[in-house]
PDB file of N, CA and C in Angstrom:
ATOM      1  N   UNK A   1       1.096  -1.293   0.029  1.00  0.00           N
ATOM      2  CA  UNK A   1       0.267  -0.034  -0.136  1.00  0.00           C
ATOM      3  C   UNK A   1       0.879   1.276   0.539  1.00  0.00           C
ATOM      4  N   UNK A   2       0.891   2.068  -0.824  1.00  0.00           N
ATOM      5  CA  UNK A   2       1.571   3.748  -0.860  1.00  0.00           C
ATOM      6  C   UNK A   2       0.693   4.346  -0.160  1.00  0.00           C
ATOM      7  N   UNK A   3       1.669   4.828   0.471  1.00  0.00           N
ATOM      8  CA  UNK A   3       1.815   6.345   1.554  1.00  0.00           C
ATOM      9  C   UNK A   3       1.390   7.537   0.841  1.00  0.00           C
ATOM     10  N   UNK A   4       1.090   8.491   1.169  1.00  0.00           N
ATOM     11  CA  UNK A   4       1.007   9.635   0.846  1.00  0.00           C
ATOM     12  C   UNK A   4       2.397  10.110   0.466  1.00  0.00           C
ATOM     13  N   UNK A   5       2.921  11.180  -0.394  1.00  0.00           N
ATOM     14  CA  UNK A   5       4.522  11.071  -0.143  1.00  0.00           C
ATOM     15  C   UNK A   5       4.732  12.926   1.167  1.00  0.00           C
ATOM     16  N   UNK A   6       3.618  13.530   1.449  1.00  0.00           N
ATOM     17  CA  UNK A   6       3.879  13.861   2.842  1.00  0.00           C
ATOM     18  C   UNK A   6       3.649  13.919   4.046  1.00  0.00           C
ATOM     19  N   UNK A   7       3.495  12.297   4.209  1.00  0.00           N
ATOM     20  CA  UNK A   7       3.143  11.950   5.026  1.00  0.00           C
ATOM     21  C   UNK A   7       4.548  11.928   6.328  1.00  0.00           C
ATOM     22  N   UNK A   8       5.796  11.910   5.610  1.00  0.00           N
ATOM     23  CA  UNK A   8       6.472  12.073   6.766  1.00  0.00           C
ATOM     24  C   UNK A   8       6.411  13.982   7.332  1.00  0.00           C
ATOM     25  N   UNK A   9       6.263  14.459   6.734  1.00  0.00           N
ATOM     26  CA  UNK A   9       5.914  16.081   7.264  1.00  0.00           C
ATOM     27  C   UNK A   9       4.944  16.136   8.163  1.00  0.00           C
ATOM     28  N   UNK A  10       3.630  15.604   7.378  1.00  0.00           N
ATOM     29  CA  UNK A  10       2.648  14.957   8.849  1.00  0.00           C
ATOM     30  C   UNK A  10       3.229  14.319   9.931  1.00  0.00           C
ATOM     31  N   UNK A  11       3.941  13.162   9.681  1.00  0.00           N
ATOM     32  CA  UNK A  11       4.530  13.085  11.113  1.00  0.00           C
ATOM     33  C   UNK A  11       5.348  14.009  12.062  1.00  0.00           C
ATOM     34  N   UNK A  12       6.044  14.312  11.478  1.00  0.00           N
ATOM     35  CA  UNK A  12       6.984  15.111  12.120  1.00  0.00           C
ATOM     36  C   UNK A  12       6.471  16.564  12.421  1.00  0.00           C
ATOM     37  N   UNK A  13       5.299  17.085  11.668  1.00  0.00           N
ATOM     38  CA  UNK A  13       4.537  18.099  12.374  1.00  0.00           C
ATOM     39  C   UNK A  13       3.288  17.800  13.797  1.00  0.00           C
ATOM     40  N   UNK A  14       3.453  16.351  13.332  1.00  0.00           N
ATOM     41  CA  UNK A  14       2.069  16.098  14.566  1.00  0.00           C
ATOM     42  C   UNK A  14       3.460  15.281  15.709  1.00  0.00           C
ATOM     43  N   UNK A  15       4.449  15.374  15.797  1.00  0.00           N
ATOM     44  CA  UNK A  15       5.487  14.582  16.682  1.00  0.00           C
ATOM     45  C   UNK A  15       5.964  13.400  16.603  1.00  0.00           C
ATOM     46  N   UNK A  16       5.011  12.496  15.860  1.00  0.00           N
ATOM     47  CA  UNK A  16       5.265  10.806  15.981  1.00  0.00           C
ATOM     48  C   UNK A  16       6.032  10.235  15.299  1.00  0.00           C
ATOM     49  N   UNK A  17       6.601   9.283  15.383  1.00  0.00           N
ATOM     50  CA  UNK A  17       7.407   8.438  14.278  1.00  0.00           C
ATOM     51  C   UNK A  17       6.839   8.333  13.230  1.00  0.00           C
ATOM     52  N   UNK A  18       8.113   7.834  11.873  1.00  0.00           N
ATOM     53  CA  UNK A  18       7.364   7.622  10.619  1.00  0.00           C
ATOM     54  C   UNK A  18       6.546   6.473  10.400  1.00  0.00           C
ATOM     55  N   UNK A  19       7.111   5.409  11.099  1.00  0.00           N
ATOM     56  CA  UNK A  19       6.679   4.504  11.438  1.00  0.00           C
ATOM     57  C   UNK A  19       4.994   4.337  12.439  1.00  0.00           C
ATOM     58  N   UNK A  20       5.037   4.806  13.519  1.00  0.00           N
ATOM     59  CA  UNK A  20       3.817   5.258  13.640  1.00  0.00           C
ATOM     60  C   UNK A  20       2.649   5.981  13.098  1.00  0.00           C
ATOM     61  N   UNK A  21       3.311   6.874  12.082  1.00  0.00           N
ATOM     62  CA  UNK A  21       2.499   7.540  11.129  1.00  0.00           C
ATOM     63  C   UNK A  21       1.992   6.638  10.270  1.00  0.00           C
ATOM     64  N   UNK A  22       2.667   5.558   9.626  1.00  0.00           N
ATOM     65  CA  UNK A  22       2.578   4.281   8.211  1.00  0.00           C
ATOM     66  C   UNK A  22       1.262   3.781   9.155  1.00  0.00           C
ATOM     67  N   UNK A  23       1.582   3.468  10.218  1.00  0.00           N
ATOM     68  CA  UNK A  23       0.218   2.738  10.920  1.00  0.00           C
ATOM     69  C   UNK A  23      -1.278   2.937  11.107  1.00  0.00           C
ATOM     70  N   UNK A  24      -0.904   4.688  11.111  1.00  0.00           N
ATOM     71  CA  UNK A  24      -1.656   5.107  11.341  1.00  0.00           C
ATOM     72  C   UNK A  24      -2.472   5.491   9.680  1.00  0.00           C
ATOM     73  N   UNK A  25      -2.150   5.822   9.034  1.00  0.00           N
ATOM     74  CA  UNK A  25      -2.296   5.951   7.903  1.00  0.00           C
ATOM     75  C   UNK A  25      -2.790   4.820   7.356  1.00  0.00           C
ATOM     76  N   UNK A  26      -2.479   3.281   7.409  1.00  0.00           N
ATOM     77  CA  UNK A  26      -3.318   1.799   7.092  1.00  0.00           C
ATOM     78  C   UNK A  26      -4.785   1.931   8.082  1.00  0.00           C
ATOM     79  N   UNK A  27      -4.677   2.793   9.265  1.00  0.00           N
ATOM     80  CA  UNK A  27      -5.608   2.736  10.142  1.00  0.00           C
ATOM     81  C   UNK A  27      -6.916   3.772   9.291  1.00  0.00           C
ATOM     82  N   UNK A  28      -6.425   4.445   9.043  1.00  0.00           N
ATOM     83  CA  UNK A  28      -7.085   6.086   7.737  1.00  0.00           C
ATOM     84  C   UNK A  28      -8.145   4.819   6.913  1.00  0.00           C
ATOM     85  N   UNK A  29      -6.697   3.931   6.182  1.00  0.00           N
ATOM     86  CA  UNK A  29      -7.481   3.894   4.569  1.00  0.00           C
ATOM     87  C   UNK A  29      -8.486   2.728   4.997  1.00  0.00           C
ATOM     88  N   UNK A  30      -8.035   1.977   6.287  1.00  0.00           N
ATOM     89  CA  UNK A  30      -9.186   0.935   6.607  1.00  0.00           C
ATOM     90  C   UNK A  30     -10.790   1.699   6.968  1.00  0.00           C
ATOM     91  N   UNK A  31     -10.483   2.411   7.634  1.00  0.00           N
ATOM     92  CA  UNK A  31     -12.076   2.995   7.764  1.00  0.00           C
ATOM     93  C   UNK A  31     -12.498   4.151   6.836  1.00  0.00           C
ATOM     94  N   UNK A  32     -11.490   4.381   5.968  1.00  0.00           N
ATOM     95  CA  UNK A  32     -12.301   5.162   4.579  1.00  0.00           C
ATOM     96  C   UNK A  32     -13.129   3.801   4.050  1.00  0.00           C
ATOM     97  N   UNK A  33     -12.641   3.345   4.008  1.00  0.00           N
ATOM     98  CA  UNK A  33     -12.425   1.639   2.772  1.00  0.00           C
ATOM     99  C   UNK A  33     -14.282   1.108   3.939  1.00  0.00           C
ATOM    100  N   UNK A  34     -14.092   1.039   5.070  1.00  0.00           N
ATOM    101  CA  UNK A  34     -15.202   1.269   5.366  1.00  0.00           C
ATOM    102  C   UNK A  34     -16.405   1.684   5.478  1.00  0.00           C
ATOM    103  N   UNK A  35     -16.192   3.127   5.832  1.00  0.00           N
ATOM    104  CA  UNK A  35     -17.416   4.515   5.511  1.00  0.00           C
ATOM    105  C   UNK A  35     -17.645   4.358   3.667  1.00  0.00           C
ATOM    106  N   UNK A  36     -16.611   4.300   3.005  1.00  0.00           N
ATOM    107  CA  UNK A  36     -17.226   4.635   1.845  1.00  0.00           C
ATOM    108  C   UNK A  36     -17.722   3.870   1.058  1.00  0.00           C
ATOM    109  N   UNK A  37     -17.314   2.410   1.293  1.00  0.00           N
ATOM    110  CA  UNK A  37     -17.476   1.088   0.158  1.00  0.00           C
ATOM    111  C   UNK A  37     -16.550   1.144  -0.766  1.00  0.00           C
ATOM    112  N   UNK A  38     -16.072   2.259  -1.205  1.00  0.00           N
ATOM    113  CA  UNK A  38     -15.023   2.298  -2.791  1.00  0.00           C
ATOM    114  C   UNK A  38     -14.145   2.728  -2.235  1.00  0.00           C
ATOM    115  N   UNK A  39     -13.082   1.939  -3.202  1.00  0.00           N
ATOM    116  CA  UNK A  39     -11.645   2.481  -2.889  1.00  0.00           C
ATOM    117  C   UNK A  39     -11.171   2.682  -4.114  1.00  0.00           C
ATOM    118  N   UNK A  40     -10.258   4.208  -4.118  1.00  0.00           N
ATOM    119  CA  UNK A  40      -9.813   4.767  -5.360  1.00  0.00           C
ATOM    120  C   UNK A  40     -10.286   5.999  -5.707  1.00  0.00           C
ATOM    121  N   UNK A  41     -11.830   6.260  -5.817  1.00  0.00           N
ATOM    122  CA  UNK A  41     -11.883   7.553  -5.959  1.00  0.00           C
ATOM    123  C   UNK A  41     -11.840   8.207  -5.141  1.00  0.00           C
ATOM    124  N   UNK A  42     -12.035   9.519  -5.654  1.00  0.00           N
ATOM    125  CA  UNK A  42     -12.099  11.000  -4.741  1.00  0.00           C
ATOM    126  C   UNK A  42     -12.726  11.273  -3.383  1.00  0.00           C
ATOM    127  N   UNK A  43     -13.638  10.633  -3.424  1.00  0.00           N
ATOM    128  CA  UNK A  43     -14.309  10.515  -1.590  1.00  0.00           C
ATOM    129  C   UNK A  43     -13.785   9.749  -1.273  1.00  0.00           C
ATOM    130  N   UNK A  44     -12.909   8.491  -1.527  1.00  0.00           N
ATOM    131  CA  UNK A  44     -11.967   7.874  -0.588  1.00  0.00           C
ATOM    132  C   UNK A  44     -11.375   8.085  -0.143  1.00  0.00           C
ATOM    133  N   UNK A  45     -10.314   8.515  -1.140  1.00  0.00           N
ATOM    134  CA  UNK A  45      -9.222   9.281  -0.810  1.00  0.00           C
ATOM    135  C   UNK A  45      -9.395  10.979   0.443  1.00  0.00           C
ATOM    136  N   UNK A  46      -9.926  11.276   0.448  1.00  0.00           N
ATOM    137  CA  UNK A  46     -10.609  12.172   0.710  1.00  0.00           C
ATOM    138  C   UNK A  46     -10.725  12.144   2.396  1.00  0.00           C
ATOM    139  N   UNK A  47     -12.048  10.711   2.486  1.00  0.00           N
ATOM    140  CA  UNK A  47     -12.404  10.202   3.925  1.00  0.00           C
ATOM    141  C   UNK A  47     -11.072   9.921   4.004  1.00  0.00           C
ATOM    142  N   UNK A  48      -9.919   9.223   3.310  1.00  0.00           N
ATOM    143  CA  UNK A  48      -9.135   8.922   3.910  1.00  0.00           C
ATOM    144  C   UNK A  48      -7.905  10.020   4.840  1.00  0.00           C
ATOM    145  N   UNK A  49      -7.740  10.505   3.901  1.00  0.00           N
ATOM    146  CA  UNK A  49      -6.920  11.646   4.394  1.00  0.00           C
ATOM    147  C   UNK A  49      -7.439  12.413   5.783  1.00  0.00           C
ATOM    148  N   UNK A  50      -8.677  12.960   5.502  1.00  0.00           N
ATOM    149  CA  UNK A  50      -9.404  13.436   6.912  1.00  0.00           C
ATOM    150  C   UNK A  50      -9.037  12.673   8.605  1.00  0.00           C
ATOM    151  N   UNK A  51      -9.394  11.297   7.735  1.00  0.00           N
ATOM    152  CA  UNK A  51      -9.527  10.168   9.051  1.00  0.00           C
ATOM    153  C   UNK A  51      -7.976  10.107   9.579  1.00  0.00           C
ATOM    154  N   UNK A  52      -7.103  10.325   8.997  1.00  0.00           N
ATOM    155  CA  UNK A  52      -5.504  10.299   9.260  1.00  0.00           C
ATOM    156  C   UNK A  52      -5.055  11.447   9.926  1.00  0.00           C
ATOM    157  N   UNK A  53      -5.779  12.593   9.702  1.00  0.00           N
ATOM    158  CA  UNK A  53      -5.356  13.889  10.506  1.00  0.00           C
ATOM    159  C   UNK A  53      -6.141  13.887  11.297  1.00  0.00           C
ATOM    160  N   UNK A  54      -7.362  13.297  11.366  1.00  0.00           N
ATOM    161  CA  UNK A  54      -8.111  13.286  12.834  1.00  0.00           C
ATOM    162  C   UNK A  54      -7.204  12.109  13.448  1.00  0.00           C
ATOM    163  N   UNK A  55      -6.322  10.907  13.242  1.00  0.00           N
ATOM    164  CA  UNK A  55      -5.863   9.700  14.213  1.00  0.00           C
ATOM    165  C   UNK A  55      -4.431  10.287  14.748  1.00  0.00           C
ATOM    166  N   UNK A  56      -3.721  11.302  13.634  1.00  0.00           N
ATOM    167  CA  UNK A  56      -2.143  12.266  14.188  1.00  0.00           C
ATOM    168  C   UNK A  56      -2.757  13.289  14.921  1.00  0.00           C
ATOM    169  N   UNK A  57      -4.324  13.976  14.739  1.00  0.00           N
ATOM    170  CA  UNK A  57      -4.231  14.688  15.848  1.00  0.00           C
ATOM    171  C   UNK A  57      -4.523  13.974  17.541  1.00  0.00           C
ATOM    172  N   UNK A  58      -5.520  12.948  17.224  1.00  0.00           N
ATOM    173  CA  UNK A  58      -5.502  12.347  18.303  1.00  0.00           C
ATOM    174  C   UNK A  58      -4.426  11.703  18.923  1.00  0.00           C
ATOM    175  N   UNK A  59      -3.324  11.421  18.229  1.00  0.00           N
ATOM    176  CA  UNK A  59      -2.083  11.021  19.112  1.00  0.00           C
ATOM    177  C   UNK A  59      -1.342  11.947  19.374  1.00  0.00           C
ATOM    178  N   UNK A  60      -1.470  12.954  18.920  1.00  0.00           N
ATOM    179  CA  UNK A  60      -0.561  14.225  19.136  1.00  0.00           C
ATOM    180  C   UNK A  60      -1.189  14.949  20.698  1.00  0.00           C
ATOM    181  N   UNK A  61      -2.399  14.548  20.733  1.00  0.00           N
ATOM    182  CA  UNK A  61      -3.232  14.782  22.145  1.00  0.00           C
ATOM    183  C   UNK A  61      -2.803  14.083  23.019  1.00  0.00           C
ATOM    184  N   UNK A  62      -2.347  12.854  22.814  1.00  0.00           N
ATOM    185  CA  UNK A  62      -2.143  11.371  23.712  1.00  0.00           C
ATOM    186  C   UNK A  62      -0.912  11.881  24.538  1.00  0.00           C
ATOM    187  N   UNK A  63      -0.162  12.860  23.769  1.00  0.00           N
ATOM    188  CA  UNK A  63       1.293  13.236  24.340  1.00  0.00           C
ATOM    189  C   UNK A  63       1.132  14.159  25.351  1.00  0.00           C
ATOM    190  N   UNK A  64       1.814  13.685  26.283  1.00  0.00           N
ATOM    191  CA  UNK A  64       1.763  14.487  27.723  1.00  0.00           C
ATOM    192  C   UNK A  64       3.072  15.619  27.947  1.00  0.00           C
ATOM    193  N   UNK A  65       3.484  16.020  26.829  1.00  0.00           N
ATOM    194  CA  UNK A  65       4.834  16.852  26.945  1.00  0.00           C
ATOM    195  C   UNK A  65       4.071  18.447  27.014  1.00  0.00           C
ATOM    196  N   UNK A  66       4.203  19.058  28.054  1.00  0.00           N
ATOM    197  CA  UNK A  66       4.369  20.422  27.843  1.00  0.00           C
ATOM    198  C   UNK A  66       4.555  21.337  27.525  1.00  0.00           C
ATOM    199  N   UNK A  67       3.794  22.384  26.747  1.00  0.00           N
ATOM    200  CA  UNK A  67       4.500  23.403  25.844  1.00  0.00           C
ATOM    201  C   UNK A  67       5.273  23.983  26.652  1.00  0.00           C
ATOM    202  N   UNK A  68       6.381  24.256  25.888  1.00  0.00           N
ATOM    203  CA  UNK A  68       7.715  25.040  26.571  1.00  0.00           C
ATOM    204  C   UNK A  68       7.678  27.097  25.902  1.00  0.00           C
ATOM    205  N   UNK A  69       6.732  26.802  24.927  1.00  0.00           N
ATOM    206  CA  UNK A  69       7.490  27.959  23.857  1.00  0.00           C
ATOM    207  C   UNK A  69       6.843  29.356  25.189  1.00  0.00           C
ATOM    208  N   UNK A  70       5.302  29.243  25.316  1.00  0.00           N
ATOM    209  CA  UNK A  70       4.868  30.474  25.647  1.00  0.00           C
ATOM    210  C   UNK A  70       5.698  30.805  27.264  1.00  0.00           C
ATOM    211  N   UNK A  71       6.196  30.287  27.709  1.00  0.00           N
ATOM    212  CA  UNK A  71       7.390  30.200  28.632  1.00  0.00           C
ATOM    213  C   UNK A  71       8.408  31.071  28.913  1.00  0.00           C
ATOM    214  N   UNK A  72       8.902  30.383  27.526  1.00  0.00           N
ATOM    215  CA  UNK A  72      10.517  31.109  26.767  1.00  0.00           C
ATOM    216  C   UNK A  72      10.133  31.978  27.042  1.00  0.00           C
ATOM    217  N   UNK A  73       8.995  32.451  26.049  1.00  0.00           N
ATOM    218  CA  UNK A  73       8.937  34.338  25.603  1.00  0.00           C
ATOM    219  C   UNK A  73       8.350  35.021  26.767  1.00  0.00           C
ATOM    220  N   UNK A  74       7.931  34.251  27.978  1.00  0.00           N
ATOM    221  CA  UNK A  74       7.568  35.485  29.249  1.00  0.00           C
ATOM    222  C   UNK A  74       8.888  35.555  29.645  1.00  0.00           C
ATOM    223  N   UNK A  75       9.854  34.682  29.292  1.00  0.00           N
ATOM    224  CA  UNK A  75      10.881  34.823  30.300  1.00  0.00           C
ATOM    225  C   UNK A  75      11.866  35.816  29.662  1.00  0.00           C
ATOM    226  N   UNK A  76      11.914  35.442  28.498  1.00  0.00           N
ATOM    227  CA  UNK A  76      12.384  36.335  26.959  1.00  0.00           C
ATOM    228  C   UNK A  76      12.434  38.071  27.939  1.00  0.00           C
ATOM    229  N   UNK A  77      10.962  37.721  27.296  1.00  0.00           N
ATOM    230  CA  UNK A  77      10.672  39.302  27.575  1.00  0.00           C
ATOM    231  C   UNK A  77      10.831  39.898  28.825  1.00  0.00           C
ATOM    232  N   UNK A  78      10.755  39.242  30.021  1.00  0.00           N
ATOM    233  CA  UNK A  78      10.769  39.844  31.352  1.00  0.00           C
ATOM    234  C   UNK A  78      12.529  40.256  31.499  1.00  0.00           C
ATOM    235  N   UNK A  79      13.405  39.288  31.087  1.00  0.00           N
ATOM    236  CA  UNK A  79      14.947  39.412  30.791  1.00  0.00           C
ATOM    237  C   UNK A  79      15.283  41.359  30.192  1.00  0.00           C
ATOM    238  N   UNK A  80      14.338  41.205  28.920  1.00  0.00           N
ATOM    239  CA  UNK A  80      14.194  41.981  28.285  1.00  0.00           C
ATOM    240  C   UNK A  80      13.752  43.473  29.022  1.00  0.00           C
ATOM    241  N   UNK A  81      13.150  43.186  29.824  1.00  0.00           N
ATOM    242  CA  UNK A  81      12.345  44.717  30.694  1.00  0.00           C
ATOM    243  C   UNK A  81      13.254  45.748  31.012  1.00  0.00           C
ATOM    244  N   UNK A  82      14.871  45.400  31.644  1.00  0.00           N
ATOM    245  CA  UNK A  82      15.693  46.300  32.437  1.00  0.00           C
ATOM    246  C   UNK A  82      16.877  46.893  31.267  1.00  0.00           C
ATOM    247  N   UNK A  83      16.441  46.238  30.198  1.00  0.00           N
ATOM    248  CA  UNK A  83      17.248  46.818  29.301  1.00  0.00           C
ATOM    249  C   UNK A  83      16.022  47.748  28.462  1.00  0.00           C
ATOM    250  N   UNK A  84      15.218  47.465  28.140  1.00  0.00           N
ATOM    251  CA  UNK A  84      14.045  48.607  27.521  1.00  0.00           C
ATOM    252  C   UNK A  84      14.222  49.813  28.635  1.00  0.00           C
ATOM    253  N   UNK A  85      13.857  49.540  29.754  1.00  0.00           N
ATOM    254  CA  UNK A  85      13.539  50.518  30.396  1.00  0.00           C
ATOM    255  C   UNK A  85      15.153  51.401  30.374  1.00  0.00           C
ATOM    256  N   UNK A  86      16.551  51.353  30.256  1.00  0.00           N
ATOM    257  CA  UNK A  86      17.270  51.751  30.478  1.00  0.00           C
ATOM    258  C   UNK A  86      17.472  52.704  29.046  1.00  0.00           C
ATOM    259  N   UNK A  87      16.986  51.956  28.171  1.00  0.00           N
ATOM    260  CA  UNK A  87      17.077  52.307  26.604  1.00  0.00           C
ATOM    261  C   UNK A  87      15.849  53.303  26.501  1.00  0.00           C
ATOM    262  N   UNK A  88      15.030  53.792  27.109  1.00  0.00           N
ATOM    263  CA  UNK A  88      13.650  54.534  27.443  1.00  0.00           C
ATOM    264  C   UNK A  88      14.368  55.662  28.309  1.00  0.00           C
ATOM    265  N   UNK A  89      15.100  55.423  29.128  1.00  0.00           N
ATOM    266  CA  UNK A  89      15.791  56.354  30.474  1.00  0.00           C
ATOM    267  C   UNK A  89      16.606  57.291  29.128  1.00  0.00           C
ATOM    268  N   UNK A  90      17.579  56.404  28.582  1.00  0.00           N
ATOM    269  CA  UNK A  90      18.766  57.515  28.069  1.00  0.00           C
ATOM    270  C   UNK A  90      18.021  58.378  26.620  1.00  0.00           C
ATOM    271  N   UNK A  91      17.376  58.031  25.972  1.00  0.00           N
ATOM    272  CA  UNK A  91      16.565  58.177  25.243  1.00  0.00           C
ATOM    273  C   UNK A  91      15.417  59.519  25.324  1.00  0.00           C
ATOM    274  N   UNK A  92      15.418  59.495  26.801  1.00  0.00           N
ATOM    275  CA  UNK A  92      14.568  60.828  27.705  1.00  0.00           C
ATOM    276  C   UNK A  92      15.506  61.502  27.950  1.00  0.00           C
ATOM    277  N   UNK A  93      16.885  61.002  28.456  1.00  0.00           N
ATOM    278  CA  UNK A  93      17.952  62.358  29.065  1.00  0.00           C
ATOM    279  C   UNK A  93      18.541  62.755  27.547  1.00  0.00           C
ATOM    280  N   UNK A  94      18.748  61.838  27.007  1.00  0.00           N
ATOM    281  CA  UNK A  94      19.321  62.799  25.776  1.00  0.00           C
ATOM    282  C   UNK A  94      18.093  63.640  25.084  1.00  0.00           C
ATOM    283  N   UNK A  95      17.056  63.730  24.635  1.00  0.00           N
ATOM    284  CA  UNK A  95      15.985  64.923  24.340  1.00  0.00           C
ATOM    285  C   UNK A  95      16.245  66.033  25.278  1.00  0.00           C
ATOM    286  N   UNK A  96      15.786  65.656  26.892  1.00  0.00           N
ATOM    287  CA  UNK A  96      16.648  66.575  27.870  1.00  0.00           C
ATOM    288  C   UNK A  96      17.444  67.534  27.471  1.00  0.00           C
ATOM    289  N   UNK A  97      18.612  67.328  27.032  1.00  0.00           N
ATOM    290  CA  UNK A  97      20.154  67.516  26.946  1.00  0.00           C
ATOM    291  C   UNK A  97      20.114  68.277  25.393  1.00  0.00           C
ATOM    292  N   UNK A  98      19.412  67.455  24.800  1.00  0.00           N
ATOM    293  CA  UNK A  98      19.499  68.706  23.268  1.00  0.00           C
ATOM    294  C   UNK A  98      18.595  69.459  23.479  1.00  0.00           C
ATOM    295  N   UNK A  99      17.191  69.572  24.153  1.00  0.00           N
ATOM    296  CA  UNK A  99      16.451  70.940  24.445  1.00  0.00           C
ATOM    297  C   UNK A  99      16.803  71.966  24.934  1.00  0.00           C
ATOM    298  N   UNK A 100      17.724  71.625  26.271  1.00  0.00           N
ATOM    299  CA  UNK A 100      18.492  71.951  27.153  1.00  0.00           C
ATOM    300  C   UNK A 100      19.681  73.020  26.353  1.00  0.00           C
ATOM    301  N   UNK A 101      20.683  72.355  25.593  1.00  0.00           N
ATOM    302  CA  UNK A 101      21.368  72.966  24.905  1.00  0.00           C
ATOM    303  C   UNK A 101      21.642  73.149  23.582  1.00  0.00           C
ATOM    304  N   UNK A 102      20.023  73.460  23.244  1.00  0.00           N
ATOM    305  CA  UNK A 102      19.569  74.139  21.767  1.00  0.00           C
ATOM    306  C   UNK A 102      19.201  75.697  22.528  1.00  0.00           C
ATOM    307  N   UNK A 103      18.721  76.229  23.693  1.00  0.00           N
ATOM    308  CA  UNK A 103      18.315  76.998  24.274  1.00  0.00           C
ATOM    309  C   UNK A 103      19.396  78.143  24.505  1.00  0.00           C
ATOM    310  N   UNK A 104      19.459  79.362  23.535  1.00  0.00           N
ATOM    311  CA  UNK A 104      20.253  80.236  24.399  1.00  0.00           C
ATOM    312  C   UNK A 104      20.251  80.624  25.503  1.00  0.00           C
ATOM    313  N   UNK A 105      21.560  80.834  26.282  1.00  0.00           N
ATOM    314  CA  UNK A 105      21.976  80.969  28.008  1.00  0.00           C
ATOM    315  C   UNK A 105      21.586  82.728  27.966  1.00  0.00           C
ATOM    316  N   UNK A 106      20.930  83.159  28.972  1.00  0.00           N
ATOM    317  CA  UNK A 106      20.834  84.641  28.888  1.00  0.00           C
ATOM    318  C   UNK A 106      22.131  84.916  29.544  1.00  0.00           C
ATOM    319  N   UNK A 107      22.706  86.463  29.316  1.00  0.00           N
ATOM    320  CA  UNK A 107      23.737  86.850  30.396  1.00  0.00           C
ATOM    321  C   UNK A 107      23.501  87.780  31.352  1.00  0.00           C
ATOM    322  N   UNK A 108      24.270  87.047  32.526  1.00  0.00           N
ATOM    323  CA  UNK A 108      23.639  87.892  33.572  1.00  0.00           C
ATOM    324  C   UNK A 108      24.276  89.435  33.815  1.00  0.00           C
TER     325      UNK A 108
END
């Protein structure tokens, strides 16, 4: 049985091995055959692909891996906060200096 050419891409995207994705594809094909009763027409392949994507999503949801990306982004923003504040302060001091340096002084 032939697998889709994009099967490795789907497997990487879902975080499963290619072997597991192949097994899920075979299960999706069996489900599509039982659902449509036909083999090889466009309705069959559409049903097989939607069943495959549904099975991949269920497999991905079964993993207990936490999502780390939002935590890392938050930590990055917190780490940059003092630098951003210092940059704002320097910019304000520079604008104030330029404003006072360009005004003519009165002689006493």
